[in-house]
């Protein structure tokens, strides 16, 4: 499946100013990338040359990158069932602090099974099944996400090496297979609480995520 760059703009946020880039595949599915301190795209370079703007300095450090799949319940609604919202917020803050990085926000809700099936899986989790068991009971894969769109998104800004923020070694493997060099894995363990402790344990014990074997949680604040 092919992906193409559509447009970009400035995006001021509570964490600082980002450039937001929109990409789309032939099915009309949209993905976005937030960047800070990265080289200009070819389109930006062309516009800068027209206005006699100084050329970008390509000697910047290897960018801090996070691949984050959409999670409406966690990212927007503050769900405590997962750690997605805190990871998204921490990523934006850490990228700003690093001064050079990118957040790839991929539109594949619920590890790729969609919002409705995700809530169906939640209902099964309420009955005592873990997140992996719930997906399988619905006849769905444990993880249906794909990462092929990451290459054109990163290539758009000429990024071939990254410092990857993740607890999931599979993401490192995916990027490596796409031709992106992962020079460092940066752990991102945030948002641990009583409601998602079992969820994180399942990711660690059954899905290969790199998490502390003695992972503990903080009480939920009222």
N, C-alpha and C. Protein backbone atom coordinates (compact mmCIF):
# COMPACT_ATOMS: atom_id res chain seq x y z
N UNK A 1 0.85 -1.19 0.00
CA UNK A 1 0.00 0.00 0.00
C UNK A 1 0.88 1.24 0.00
N UNK A 2 0.54 2.22 -0.83
CA UNK A 2 1.35 3.42 -0.93
C UNK A 2 0.78 4.55 -0.06
N UNK A 3 1.67 5.42 0.37
CA UNK A 3 1.31 6.56 1.21
C UNK A 3 1.90 7.82 0.60
N UNK A 4 1.17 8.91 0.72
CA UNK A 4 1.69 10.16 0.20
C UNK A 4 1.50 11.30 1.20
N UNK A 5 2.44 12.23 1.15
CA UNK A 5 2.34 13.43 1.98
C UNK A 5 1.25 14.33 1.42
N UNK A 6 0.43 14.90 2.31
CA UNK A 6 -0.68 15.75 1.87
C UNK A 6 -0.43 17.23 2.19
N UNK A 7 -0.18 17.54 3.45
CA UNK A 7 0.00 18.93 3.83
C UNK A 7 0.66 19.02 5.19
N UNK A 8 1.04 20.24 5.58
CA UNK A 8 1.65 20.45 6.89
C UNK A 8 1.32 21.85 7.39
N UNK A 9 1.50 22.05 8.69
CA UNK A 9 1.21 23.35 9.30
C UNK A 9 1.90 23.41 10.66
N UNK A 10 1.86 24.58 11.26
CA UNK A 10 2.37 24.76 12.62
C UNK A 10 1.29 24.33 13.61
N UNK A 11 1.70 23.71 14.71
CA UNK A 11 0.75 23.26 15.72
C UNK A 11 1.25 23.63 17.11
N UNK A 12 0.77 24.74 17.68
CA UNK A 12 1.12 25.07 19.07
C UNK A 12 0.35 24.16 20.02
N UNK A 13 1.02 23.63 21.04
CA UNK A 13 0.39 22.74 22.01
C UNK A 13 0.81 23.16 23.41
N UNK A 14 0.24 22.50 24.41
CA UNK A 14 0.61 22.79 25.80
C UNK A 14 2.06 22.44 26.08
N UNK A 15 2.64 21.59 25.22
CA UNK A 15 4.03 21.17 25.41
C UNK A 15 5.02 22.00 24.60
N UNK A 16 4.51 22.80 23.70
CA UNK A 16 5.37 23.60 22.83
C UNK A 16 4.89 23.54 21.40
N UNK A 17 5.65 24.14 20.51
CA UNK A 17 5.25 24.22 19.10
C UNK A 17 5.81 23.03 18.31
N UNK A 18 4.93 22.43 17.51
CA UNK A 18 5.30 21.34 16.63
C UNK A 18 4.98 21.72 15.18
N UNK A 19 5.58 21.01 14.24
CA UNK A 19 5.12 20.99 12.86
C UNK A 19 4.28 19.73 12.72
N UNK A 20 3.08 19.84 12.15
CA UNK A 20 2.23 18.68 11.95
C UNK A 20 2.16 18.37 10.46
N UNK A 21 2.42 17.11 10.12
CA UNK A 21 2.46 16.65 8.74
C UNK A 21 1.37 15.59 8.57
N UNK A 22 0.61 15.66 7.49
CA UNK A 22 -0.48 14.70 7.24
C UNK A 22 -0.11 13.82 6.05
N UNK A 23 -0.33 12.52 6.22
CA UNK A 23 -0.10 11.54 5.16
C UNK A 23 -1.37 10.74 4.94
N UNK A 24 -1.54 10.22 3.73
CA UNK A 24 -2.77 9.48 3.41
C UNK A 24 -2.44 8.32 2.48
N UNK A 25 -3.14 7.19 2.68
CA UNK A 25 -2.96 6.07 1.75
C UNK A 25 -4.08 6.07 0.71
N UNK A 26 -4.02 5.09 -0.21
CA UNK A 26 -4.99 5.09 -1.32
C UNK A 26 -6.41 4.82 -0.86
N UNK A 27 -6.58 4.32 0.38
CA UNK A 27 -7.92 4.09 0.93
C UNK A 27 -8.45 5.31 1.67
N UNK A 28 -7.65 6.39 1.71
CA UNK A 28 -8.10 7.60 2.38
C UNK A 28 -7.82 7.61 3.87
N UNK A 29 -7.10 6.62 4.38
CA UNK A 29 -6.75 6.60 5.81
C UNK A 29 -5.63 7.60 6.07
N UNK A 30 -5.81 8.43 7.10
CA UNK A 30 -4.88 9.50 7.39
C UNK A 30 -4.01 9.17 8.60
N UNK A 31 -2.74 9.54 8.53
CA UNK A 31 -1.81 9.43 9.64
C UNK A 31 -1.11 10.77 9.78
N UNK A 32 -0.68 11.10 10.99
CA UNK A 32 -0.01 12.38 11.18
C UNK A 32 1.33 12.19 11.87
N UNK A 33 2.22 13.15 11.64
CA UNK A 33 3.52 13.16 12.28
C UNK A 33 3.77 14.54 12.86
N UNK A 34 4.11 14.60 14.15
CA UNK A 34 4.49 15.85 14.79
C UNK A 34 6.01 15.88 14.89
N UNK A 35 6.61 17.01 14.52
CA UNK A 35 8.07 17.08 14.53
C UNK A 35 8.56 18.36 15.19
N UNK A 36 9.78 18.26 15.70
CA UNK A 36 10.49 19.40 16.28
C UNK A 36 11.95 19.31 15.86
N UNK A 37 12.51 20.41 15.37
CA UNK A 37 13.94 20.50 15.11
C UNK A 37 14.48 19.58 14.04
N UNK A 38 13.64 19.17 13.08
CA UNK A 38 14.10 18.26 12.03
C UNK A 38 14.36 19.01 10.73
N UNK A 39 15.13 18.40 9.81
CA UNK A 39 15.42 19.05 8.53
C UNK A 39 14.14 19.38 7.78
N UNK A 40 14.22 20.37 6.91
CA UNK A 40 13.08 20.73 6.08
C UNK A 40 12.78 19.62 5.08
N UNK A 41 11.51 19.45 4.76
CA UNK A 41 11.14 18.53 3.70
C UNK A 41 11.56 19.14 2.37
N UNK A 42 11.50 18.36 1.29
CA UNK A 42 11.87 18.86 -0.03
C UNK A 42 10.99 20.04 -0.42
N UNK A 43 9.71 19.98 -0.06
CA UNK A 43 8.80 21.08 -0.38
C UNK A 43 9.19 22.34 0.37
N UNK A 44 9.50 22.19 1.66
CA UNK A 44 9.91 23.34 2.46
C UNK A 44 11.23 23.91 1.95
N UNK A 45 12.18 23.03 1.58
CA UNK A 45 13.46 23.51 1.07
C UNK A 45 13.27 24.33 -0.19
N UNK A 46 12.36 23.86 -1.07
CA UNK A 46 12.10 24.59 -2.31
C UNK A 46 11.51 25.96 -2.02
N UNK A 47 10.56 26.01 -1.08
CA UNK A 47 9.96 27.30 -0.72
C UNK A 47 10.98 28.22 -0.07
N UNK A 48 11.86 27.65 0.77
CA UNK A 48 12.86 28.46 1.44
C UNK A 48 13.83 29.07 0.44
N UNK A 49 14.20 28.29 -0.58
CA UNK A 49 15.11 28.78 -1.60
C UNK A 49 14.49 29.92 -2.40
N UNK A 50 13.19 29.81 -2.64
CA UNK A 50 12.48 30.87 -3.38
C UNK A 50 12.53 32.19 -2.62
N UNK A 51 12.55 32.09 -1.28
CA UNK A 51 12.52 33.29 -0.45
C UNK A 51 13.90 33.61 0.12
N UNK A 52 14.93 32.97 -0.45
CA UNK A 52 16.31 33.20 -0.02
C UNK A 52 16.51 32.93 1.46
N UNK A 53 15.76 31.94 1.98
CA UNK A 53 15.90 31.58 3.39
C UNK A 53 17.16 30.73 3.56
N UNK A 54 17.79 30.77 4.74
CA UNK A 54 18.99 29.96 4.96
C UNK A 54 18.68 28.48 4.88
N UNK A 55 19.64 27.70 4.37
CA UNK A 55 19.44 26.26 4.25
C UNK A 55 19.46 25.60 5.63
N UNK A 56 18.75 24.47 5.71
CA UNK A 56 18.70 23.74 6.98
C UNK A 56 20.07 23.16 7.32
N UNK A 57 20.40 23.16 8.59
CA UNK A 57 21.63 22.55 9.08
C UNK A 57 21.37 21.06 9.30
N UNK A 58 22.04 20.20 8.52
CA UNK A 58 21.78 18.77 8.57
C UNK A 58 22.63 18.05 9.61
N UNK A 59 23.33 18.80 10.47
CA UNK A 59 24.18 18.18 11.48
C UNK A 59 23.46 18.02 12.81
N UNK A 60 22.13 17.93 12.78
CA UNK A 60 21.35 17.79 14.00
C UNK A 60 21.54 16.39 14.59
N UNK A 61 21.26 16.20 15.89
CA UNK A 61 21.40 14.88 16.51
C UNK A 61 20.39 13.89 15.95
N UNK A 62 20.61 12.60 16.23
CA UNK A 62 19.66 11.57 15.81
C UNK A 62 18.34 11.81 16.54
N UNK A 63 17.23 11.92 15.82
CA UNK A 63 15.96 12.31 16.45
C UNK A 63 15.39 11.26 17.40
N UNK A 64 14.72 11.76 18.42
CA UNK A 64 13.96 10.94 19.35
C UNK A 64 12.59 10.69 18.73
N UNK A 65 12.23 9.44 18.50
CA UNK A 65 11.02 9.10 17.74
C UNK A 65 10.13 8.16 18.54
N UNK A 66 8.83 8.40 18.45
CA UNK A 66 7.83 7.53 19.05
C UNK A 66 6.81 7.14 17.99
N UNK A 67 6.53 5.84 17.86
CA UNK A 67 5.43 5.36 17.01
C UNK A 67 4.26 5.09 17.94
N UNK A 68 3.18 5.84 17.79
CA UNK A 68 2.05 5.76 18.72
C UNK A 68 0.78 5.47 17.94
N UNK A 69 0.16 4.33 18.21
CA UNK A 69 -1.10 3.99 17.55
C UNK A 69 -2.27 4.64 18.28
N UNK A 70 -3.21 5.11 17.51
CA UNK A 70 -4.38 5.83 18.03
C UNK A 70 -5.08 5.05 19.14
N UNK A 71 -5.44 5.77 20.20
CA UNK A 71 -6.22 5.18 21.30
C UNK A 71 -7.18 6.25 21.79
N UNK A 72 -8.38 6.26 21.23
CA UNK A 72 -9.36 7.28 21.60
C UNK A 72 -9.63 7.29 23.10
N UNK A 73 -9.82 6.12 23.68
CA UNK A 73 -10.18 6.06 25.10
C UNK A 73 -9.05 6.57 25.98
N UNK A 74 -7.83 6.25 25.64
CA UNK A 74 -6.70 6.69 26.46
C UNK A 74 -6.20 8.07 26.11
N UNK A 75 -6.06 8.35 24.81
CA UNK A 75 -5.48 9.62 24.37
C UNK A 75 -6.41 10.80 24.61
N UNK A 76 -7.72 10.60 24.35
CA UNK A 76 -8.66 11.72 24.41
C UNK A 76 -9.58 11.69 25.63
N UNK A 77 -9.92 10.48 26.09
CA UNK A 77 -10.91 10.36 27.16
C UNK A 77 -10.31 10.07 28.54
N UNK A 78 -8.99 9.90 28.59
CA UNK A 78 -8.33 9.72 29.89
C UNK A 78 -8.54 8.37 30.52
N UNK A 79 -8.78 7.33 29.73
CA UNK A 79 -8.98 6.00 30.29
C UNK A 79 -7.77 5.54 31.09
N UNK A 80 -8.04 4.87 32.21
CA UNK A 80 -6.98 4.30 33.04
C UNK A 80 -6.76 2.81 32.77
N UNK A 81 -7.50 2.26 31.78
CA UNK A 81 -7.35 0.85 31.44
C UNK A 81 -6.04 0.57 30.72
N UNK A 82 -5.42 1.60 30.14
CA UNK A 82 -4.16 1.42 29.42
C UNK A 82 -3.21 2.54 29.83
N UNK A 83 -2.04 2.55 29.22
CA UNK A 83 -1.06 3.61 29.50
C UNK A 83 -0.86 4.52 28.30
N UNK A 84 -1.78 4.45 27.33
CA UNK A 84 -1.60 5.18 26.06
C UNK A 84 -1.61 6.70 26.23
N UNK A 85 -2.57 7.21 26.97
CA UNK A 85 -2.64 8.66 27.16
C UNK A 85 -1.38 9.22 27.80
N UNK A 86 -0.94 8.67 28.94
CA UNK A 86 0.30 9.15 29.55
C UNK A 86 1.51 9.01 28.63
N UNK A 87 1.56 7.93 27.85
CA UNK A 87 2.68 7.77 26.91
C UNK A 87 2.67 8.86 25.85
N UNK A 88 1.48 9.19 25.33
CA UNK A 88 1.38 10.24 24.32
C UNK A 88 1.84 11.58 24.89
N UNK A 89 1.34 11.91 26.08
CA UNK A 89 1.70 13.19 26.71
C UNK A 89 3.19 13.26 27.03
N UNK A 90 3.73 12.17 27.58
CA UNK A 90 5.15 12.15 27.91
C UNK A 90 6.01 12.26 26.66
N UNK A 91 5.57 11.62 25.58
CA UNK A 91 6.30 11.69 24.31
C UNK A 91 6.41 13.12 23.81
N UNK A 92 5.30 13.84 23.81
CA UNK A 92 5.32 15.21 23.31
C UNK A 92 6.24 16.08 24.16
N UNK A 93 6.21 15.88 25.46
CA UNK A 93 7.08 16.65 26.35
C UNK A 93 8.55 16.30 26.14
N UNK A 94 8.85 15.02 26.03
CA UNK A 94 10.24 14.58 25.88
C UNK A 94 10.82 15.01 24.53
N UNK A 95 10.02 14.98 23.49
CA UNK A 95 10.50 15.42 22.18
C UNK A 95 10.82 16.91 22.22
N UNK A 96 9.96 17.68 22.88
CA UNK A 96 10.24 19.11 23.01
C UNK A 96 11.54 19.33 23.78
N UNK A 97 11.71 18.59 24.87
CA UNK A 97 12.92 18.75 25.68
C UNK A 97 14.17 18.35 24.92
N UNK A 98 14.06 17.34 24.04
CA UNK A 98 15.21 16.89 23.27
C UNK A 98 15.58 17.90 22.19
N UNK A 99 14.58 18.64 21.70
CA UNK A 99 14.82 19.63 20.66
C UNK A 99 14.90 19.05 19.26
N UNK A 100 14.77 17.71 19.12
CA UNK A 100 14.87 17.08 17.81
C UNK A 100 14.16 15.74 17.86
N UNK A 101 12.99 15.66 17.25
CA UNK A 101 12.27 14.40 17.32
C UNK A 101 10.98 14.39 16.53
N UNK A 102 10.32 13.23 16.55
CA UNK A 102 9.08 13.06 15.79
C UNK A 102 8.15 12.08 16.50
N UNK A 103 6.87 12.39 16.47
CA UNK A 103 5.82 11.51 16.95
C UNK A 103 5.01 11.07 15.74
N UNK A 104 5.02 9.78 15.45
CA UNK A 104 4.22 9.23 14.36
C UNK A 104 2.92 8.71 14.96
N UNK A 105 1.82 9.39 14.67
CA UNK A 105 0.53 9.03 15.24
C UNK A 105 -0.25 8.26 14.18
N UNK A 106 -0.35 6.95 14.38
CA UNK A 106 -0.93 6.05 13.38
C UNK A 106 -2.39 5.73 13.72
N UNK A 107 -3.24 5.81 12.72
CA UNK A 107 -4.67 5.64 12.91
C UNK A 107 -5.05 4.16 12.86
N UNK A 108 -4.69 3.42 13.90
CA UNK A 108 -5.04 2.00 13.99
C UNK A 108 -5.46 1.69 15.42
N UNK A 109 -6.70 2.07 15.69
CA UNK A 109 -7.30 1.98 17.02
C UNK A 109 -7.31 0.53 17.53
N UNK A 110 -7.08 0.39 18.82
CA UNK A 110 -7.22 -0.90 19.48
C UNK A 110 -6.26 -1.95 18.95
N UNK A 111 -4.99 -1.59 18.77
CA UNK A 111 -4.00 -2.48 18.17
C UNK A 111 -4.49 -3.01 16.83
N UNK A 112 -5.22 -2.15 16.10
CA UNK A 112 -5.63 -2.45 14.74
C UNK A 112 -6.97 -3.12 14.58
N UNK A 113 -7.72 -3.37 15.68
CA UNK A 113 -9.01 -4.07 15.55
C UNK A 113 -10.19 -3.11 15.47
N UNK A 114 -9.96 -1.82 15.67
CA UNK A 114 -11.03 -0.84 15.59
C UNK A 114 -11.68 -0.55 16.94
N UNK A 115 -12.38 0.56 17.01
CA UNK A 115 -12.95 1.01 18.28
C UNK A 115 -14.03 0.08 18.82
N UNK A 116 -14.96 -0.36 17.95
CA UNK A 116 -16.05 -1.21 18.42
C UNK A 116 -15.53 -2.52 18.99
N UNK A 117 -14.63 -3.17 18.27
CA UNK A 117 -14.08 -4.42 18.78
C UNK A 117 -13.23 -4.20 20.03
N UNK A 118 -12.61 -3.05 20.11
CA UNK A 118 -11.82 -2.73 21.31
C UNK A 118 -12.74 -2.68 22.54
N UNK A 119 -13.91 -2.06 22.40
CA UNK A 119 -14.84 -1.97 23.53
C UNK A 119 -15.44 -3.34 23.83
N UNK A 120 -15.65 -4.15 22.80
CA UNK A 120 -16.08 -5.53 23.04
C UNK A 120 -15.03 -6.28 23.85
N UNK A 121 -13.77 -6.05 23.52
CA UNK A 121 -12.68 -6.68 24.27
C UNK A 121 -12.64 -6.16 25.70
N UNK A 122 -12.92 -4.87 25.87
CA UNK A 122 -13.00 -4.30 27.22
C UNK A 122 -14.05 -5.04 28.05
N UNK A 123 -15.21 -5.34 27.42
CA UNK A 123 -16.28 -6.02 28.15
C UNK A 123 -15.82 -7.40 28.63
N UNK A 124 -15.05 -8.08 27.79
CA UNK A 124 -14.52 -9.39 28.19
C UNK A 124 -13.47 -9.24 29.29
N UNK A 125 -12.70 -8.16 29.24
CA UNK A 125 -11.73 -7.90 30.30
C UNK A 125 -12.44 -7.64 31.62
N UNK A 126 -13.60 -6.98 31.55
CA UNK A 126 -14.39 -6.74 32.77
C UNK A 126 -14.82 -8.05 33.42
N UNK A 127 -14.88 -9.14 32.60
CA UNK A 127 -15.27 -10.45 33.12
C UNK A 127 -14.07 -11.24 33.64
N UNK A 128 -12.88 -10.65 33.56
CA UNK A 128 -11.71 -11.30 34.12
C UNK A 128 -10.70 -11.81 33.12
N UNK A 129 -10.94 -11.64 31.81
CA UNK A 129 -9.99 -12.08 30.79
C UNK A 129 -8.96 -10.99 30.55
N UNK A 130 -7.75 -11.37 30.20
CA UNK A 130 -6.76 -10.35 29.93
C UNK A 130 -6.91 -9.82 28.50
N UNK A 131 -6.14 -8.80 28.16
CA UNK A 131 -6.31 -8.13 26.87
C UNK A 131 -6.02 -9.06 25.70
N UNK A 132 -5.08 -9.96 25.85
CA UNK A 132 -4.76 -10.92 24.78
C UNK A 132 -5.87 -11.95 24.63
N UNK A 133 -6.32 -12.50 25.73
CA UNK A 133 -7.40 -13.49 25.70
C UNK A 133 -8.67 -12.90 25.10
N UNK A 134 -8.96 -11.65 25.44
CA UNK A 134 -10.18 -11.01 24.95
C UNK A 134 -10.17 -10.90 23.42
N UNK A 135 -9.06 -10.48 22.86
CA UNK A 135 -8.98 -10.38 21.40
C UNK A 135 -9.18 -11.74 20.74
N UNK A 136 -8.52 -12.76 21.28
CA UNK A 136 -8.60 -14.09 20.69
C UNK A 136 -10.02 -14.67 20.83
N UNK A 137 -10.69 -14.38 21.93
CA UNK A 137 -12.06 -14.86 22.12
C UNK A 137 -13.02 -14.25 21.11
N UNK A 138 -12.68 -13.05 20.62
CA UNK A 138 -13.49 -12.39 19.60
C UNK A 138 -13.12 -12.82 18.19
N UNK A 139 -12.17 -13.76 18.10
CA UNK A 139 -11.73 -14.22 16.80
C UNK A 139 -10.82 -13.23 16.09
N UNK A 140 -10.16 -12.38 16.88
CA UNK A 140 -9.31 -11.33 16.33
C UNK A 140 -7.85 -11.61 16.68
N UNK A 141 -6.92 -11.07 15.89
CA UNK A 141 -5.50 -11.26 16.22
C UNK A 141 -5.11 -10.52 17.49
N UNK A 142 -4.07 -10.99 18.14
CA UNK A 142 -3.59 -10.32 19.35
C UNK A 142 -3.14 -8.91 19.04
N UNK A 143 -2.56 -8.73 17.85
CA UNK A 143 -2.08 -7.41 17.45
C UNK A 143 -2.16 -7.32 15.94
N UNK A 144 -3.06 -6.48 15.43
CA UNK A 144 -3.27 -6.36 13.98
C UNK A 144 -2.62 -5.11 13.40
N UNK A 145 -1.77 -4.45 14.17
CA UNK A 145 -1.14 -3.22 13.68
C UNK A 145 -0.11 -3.51 12.60
N UNK A 146 0.06 -2.54 11.72
CA UNK A 146 1.12 -2.59 10.71
C UNK A 146 1.92 -1.30 10.81
N UNK A 147 3.14 -1.34 10.30
CA UNK A 147 4.01 -0.18 10.44
C UNK A 147 4.66 0.25 9.12
N UNK A 148 4.13 -0.26 8.00
CA UNK A 148 4.73 0.08 6.71
C UNK A 148 4.66 1.57 6.41
N UNK A 149 3.68 2.26 6.98
CA UNK A 149 3.56 3.70 6.72
C UNK A 149 4.67 4.51 7.39
N UNK A 150 5.38 3.91 8.34
CA UNK A 150 6.43 4.64 9.04
C UNK A 150 7.57 5.04 8.11
N UNK A 151 7.88 4.18 7.14
CA UNK A 151 9.01 4.50 6.25
C UNK A 151 8.76 5.77 5.43
N UNK A 152 7.64 5.89 4.69
CA UNK A 152 7.44 7.13 3.94
C UNK A 152 7.31 8.36 4.82
N UNK A 153 6.79 8.20 6.03
CA UNK A 153 6.66 9.34 6.93
C UNK A 153 8.04 9.84 7.36
N UNK A 154 8.91 8.91 7.74
CA UNK A 154 10.26 9.30 8.15
C UNK A 154 11.10 9.74 6.95
N UNK A 155 10.93 9.04 5.83
CA UNK A 155 11.70 9.39 4.63
C UNK A 155 11.34 10.77 4.11
N UNK A 156 10.13 11.23 4.41
CA UNK A 156 9.70 12.56 3.98
C UNK A 156 10.65 13.65 4.48
N UNK A 157 11.23 13.42 5.66
CA UNK A 157 12.18 14.39 6.21
C UNK A 157 13.61 13.85 6.19
N UNK A 158 13.81 12.77 5.43
CA UNK A 158 15.16 12.24 5.29
C UNK A 158 15.70 11.56 6.52
N UNK A 159 14.83 11.02 7.36
CA UNK A 159 15.26 10.37 8.59
C UNK A 159 15.55 8.89 8.33
N UNK A 160 16.76 8.47 8.59
CA UNK A 160 17.16 7.07 8.38
C UNK A 160 17.66 6.42 9.67
N UNK A 161 17.89 7.23 10.72
CA UNK A 161 18.33 6.73 12.01
C UNK A 161 17.48 7.36 13.10
N UNK A 162 17.12 6.57 14.11
CA UNK A 162 16.26 7.08 15.17
C UNK A 162 16.68 6.55 16.53
N UNK A 163 16.34 7.32 17.55
CA UNK A 163 16.35 6.86 18.93
C UNK A 163 14.88 6.59 19.25
N UNK A 164 14.51 5.33 19.40
CA UNK A 164 13.10 4.95 19.44
C UNK A 164 12.60 4.83 20.87
N UNK A 165 11.55 5.60 21.19
CA UNK A 165 10.89 5.50 22.49
C UNK A 165 9.87 4.37 22.44
N UNK A 166 10.16 3.27 23.11
CA UNK A 166 9.24 2.14 23.10
C UNK A 166 9.63 1.14 24.17
N UNK A 167 8.62 0.36 24.61
CA UNK A 167 8.87 -0.79 25.47
C UNK A 167 8.69 -2.08 24.67
N UNK A 168 8.35 -1.93 23.38
CA UNK A 168 8.00 -3.06 22.53
C UNK A 168 9.11 -3.33 21.52
N UNK A 169 9.91 -4.37 21.73
CA UNK A 169 11.02 -4.65 20.82
C UNK A 169 10.57 -4.97 19.40
N UNK A 170 9.30 -5.38 19.22
CA UNK A 170 8.80 -5.66 17.88
C UNK A 170 8.84 -4.42 17.00
N UNK A 171 8.62 -3.25 17.60
CA UNK A 171 8.66 -2.01 16.82
C UNK A 171 10.07 -1.75 16.31
N UNK A 172 11.06 -2.09 17.10
CA UNK A 172 12.45 -1.95 16.65
C UNK A 172 12.69 -2.86 15.45
N UNK A 173 12.18 -4.08 15.52
CA UNK A 173 12.35 -5.03 14.42
C UNK A 173 11.65 -4.53 13.16
N UNK A 174 10.43 -3.99 13.31
CA UNK A 174 9.70 -3.49 12.15
C UNK A 174 10.47 -2.38 11.45
N UNK A 175 10.98 -1.42 12.22
CA UNK A 175 11.71 -0.31 11.62
C UNK A 175 12.98 -0.80 10.95
N UNK A 176 13.68 -1.73 11.59
CA UNK A 176 14.90 -2.28 11.01
C UNK A 176 14.61 -2.95 9.67
N UNK A 177 13.50 -3.71 9.60
CA UNK A 177 13.11 -4.37 8.36
C UNK A 177 12.76 -3.35 7.27
N UNK A 178 12.29 -2.18 7.68
CA UNK A 178 11.95 -1.13 6.72
C UNK A 178 13.17 -0.35 6.25
N UNK A 179 14.31 -0.60 6.88
CA UNK A 179 15.53 0.11 6.50
C UNK A 179 15.86 1.30 7.36
N UNK A 180 15.16 1.44 8.51
CA UNK A 180 15.44 2.52 9.46
C UNK A 180 16.33 1.97 10.57
N UNK A 181 17.45 2.61 10.82
CA UNK A 181 18.37 2.14 11.85
C UNK A 181 17.94 2.65 13.23
N UNK A 182 17.74 1.74 14.16
CA UNK A 182 17.40 2.09 15.54
C UNK A 182 18.70 2.07 16.34
N UNK A 183 19.22 3.23 16.66
CA UNK A 183 20.52 3.30 17.33
C UNK A 183 20.38 3.18 18.85
N UNK A 184 19.17 3.40 19.35
CA UNK A 184 18.95 3.32 20.81
C UNK A 184 17.48 3.09 21.09
N UNK A 185 17.18 2.25 22.10
CA UNK A 185 15.82 2.12 22.59
C UNK A 185 15.69 2.95 23.87
N UNK A 186 14.73 3.84 23.88
CA UNK A 186 14.48 4.70 25.05
C UNK A 186 13.21 4.21 25.73
N UNK A 187 13.29 3.65 26.95
CA UNK A 187 12.10 3.15 27.64
C UNK A 187 11.09 4.27 27.88
N UNK A 188 9.81 3.89 27.94
CA UNK A 188 8.74 4.87 28.20
C UNK A 188 7.71 4.21 29.11
N UNK A 189 7.99 4.19 30.39
CA UNK A 189 7.09 3.57 31.37
C UNK A 189 6.45 4.67 32.19
N UNK A 190 5.20 4.99 31.88
CA UNK A 190 4.46 6.04 32.57
C UNK A 190 3.00 5.60 32.71
N UNK A 191 2.27 6.28 33.57
CA UNK A 191 0.83 6.04 33.68
C UNK A 191 0.44 4.70 34.27
N UNK A 192 1.32 4.09 35.06
CA UNK A 192 0.98 2.81 35.69
C UNK A 192 0.04 3.05 36.86
N UNK A 193 -1.06 2.30 36.91
CA UNK A 193 -2.07 2.51 37.96
C UNK A 193 -2.80 1.20 38.23
N UNK A 194 -3.62 1.13 39.28
CA UNK A 194 -4.30 -0.13 39.61
C UNK A 194 -5.18 -0.68 38.50
N UNK A 195 -5.72 0.20 37.64
CA UNK A 195 -6.64 -0.24 36.59
C UNK A 195 -5.92 -0.86 35.40
N UNK A 196 -4.65 -0.53 35.21
CA UNK A 196 -3.95 -1.10 34.06
C UNK A 196 -2.78 -1.99 34.44
N UNK A 197 -2.64 -2.30 35.72
CA UNK A 197 -1.53 -3.13 36.16
C UNK A 197 -1.56 -4.51 35.50
N UNK A 198 -2.73 -5.15 35.47
CA UNK A 198 -2.85 -6.46 34.84
C UNK A 198 -2.61 -6.36 33.34
N UNK A 199 -3.07 -5.29 32.72
CA UNK A 199 -2.86 -5.05 31.29
C UNK A 199 -1.37 -4.97 30.97
N UNK A 200 -0.62 -4.22 31.79
CA UNK A 200 0.82 -4.09 31.57
C UNK A 200 1.54 -5.41 31.84
N UNK A 201 1.08 -6.15 32.85
CA UNK A 201 1.68 -7.44 33.12
C UNK A 201 1.49 -8.39 31.93
N UNK A 202 0.32 -8.32 31.29
CA UNK A 202 0.06 -9.15 30.11
C UNK A 202 0.96 -8.75 28.96
N UNK A 203 1.14 -7.46 28.75
CA UNK A 203 2.04 -7.00 27.69
C UNK A 203 3.47 -7.49 27.95
N UNK A 204 3.87 -7.49 29.21
CA UNK A 204 5.21 -7.94 29.57
C UNK A 204 5.34 -9.46 29.45
N UNK A 205 4.39 -10.19 30.03
CA UNK A 205 4.53 -11.64 30.17
C UNK A 205 4.10 -12.42 28.92
N UNK A 206 3.16 -11.86 28.14
CA UNK A 206 2.64 -12.61 26.99
C UNK A 206 2.95 -11.96 25.63
N UNK A 207 3.32 -10.66 25.64
CA UNK A 207 3.49 -9.97 24.36
C UNK A 207 4.91 -9.43 24.17
N UNK A 208 5.80 -9.76 25.11
CA UNK A 208 7.20 -9.47 24.91
C UNK A 208 7.65 -8.05 25.17
N UNK A 209 6.82 -7.24 25.81
CA UNK A 209 7.24 -5.88 26.10
C UNK A 209 8.29 -5.87 27.22
N UNK A 210 9.22 -4.94 27.12
CA UNK A 210 10.30 -4.86 28.09
C UNK A 210 9.85 -3.98 29.25
N UNK A 211 9.44 -4.61 30.33
CA UNK A 211 8.96 -3.91 31.51
C UNK A 211 9.56 -4.57 32.75
N UNK A 212 9.66 -3.81 33.80
CA UNK A 212 10.24 -4.30 35.06
C UNK A 212 9.44 -5.51 35.55
N UNK A 213 10.11 -6.63 35.85
CA UNK A 213 9.38 -7.79 36.36
C UNK A 213 8.71 -7.53 37.70
N UNK A 214 9.17 -6.51 38.41
CA UNK A 214 8.57 -6.15 39.70
C UNK A 214 7.71 -4.90 39.58
N UNK A 215 7.10 -4.74 38.40
CA UNK A 215 6.29 -3.56 38.13
C UNK A 215 5.21 -3.37 39.19
N UNK A 216 5.16 -2.18 39.77
CA UNK A 216 4.13 -1.86 40.75
C UNK A 216 3.38 -0.62 40.27
N UNK A 217 2.26 -0.34 40.91
CA UNK A 217 1.44 0.78 40.47
C UNK A 217 1.24 1.79 41.59
N UNK A 218 0.90 2.99 41.16
CA UNK A 218 0.59 4.07 42.10
C UNK A 218 -0.92 4.14 42.31
N UNK A 219 -1.39 4.48 43.50
CA UNK A 219 -2.82 4.63 43.74
C UNK A 219 -3.43 5.67 42.83
N UNK A 220 -4.69 5.45 42.45
CA UNK A 220 -5.41 6.42 41.64
C UNK A 220 -5.76 7.62 42.48
N UNK A 221 -5.45 8.81 41.95
CA UNK A 221 -5.78 10.04 42.67
C UNK A 221 -7.23 10.40 42.45
N UNK A 222 -7.93 10.77 43.51
CA UNK A 222 -9.34 11.17 43.41
C UNK A 222 -9.44 12.61 42.95
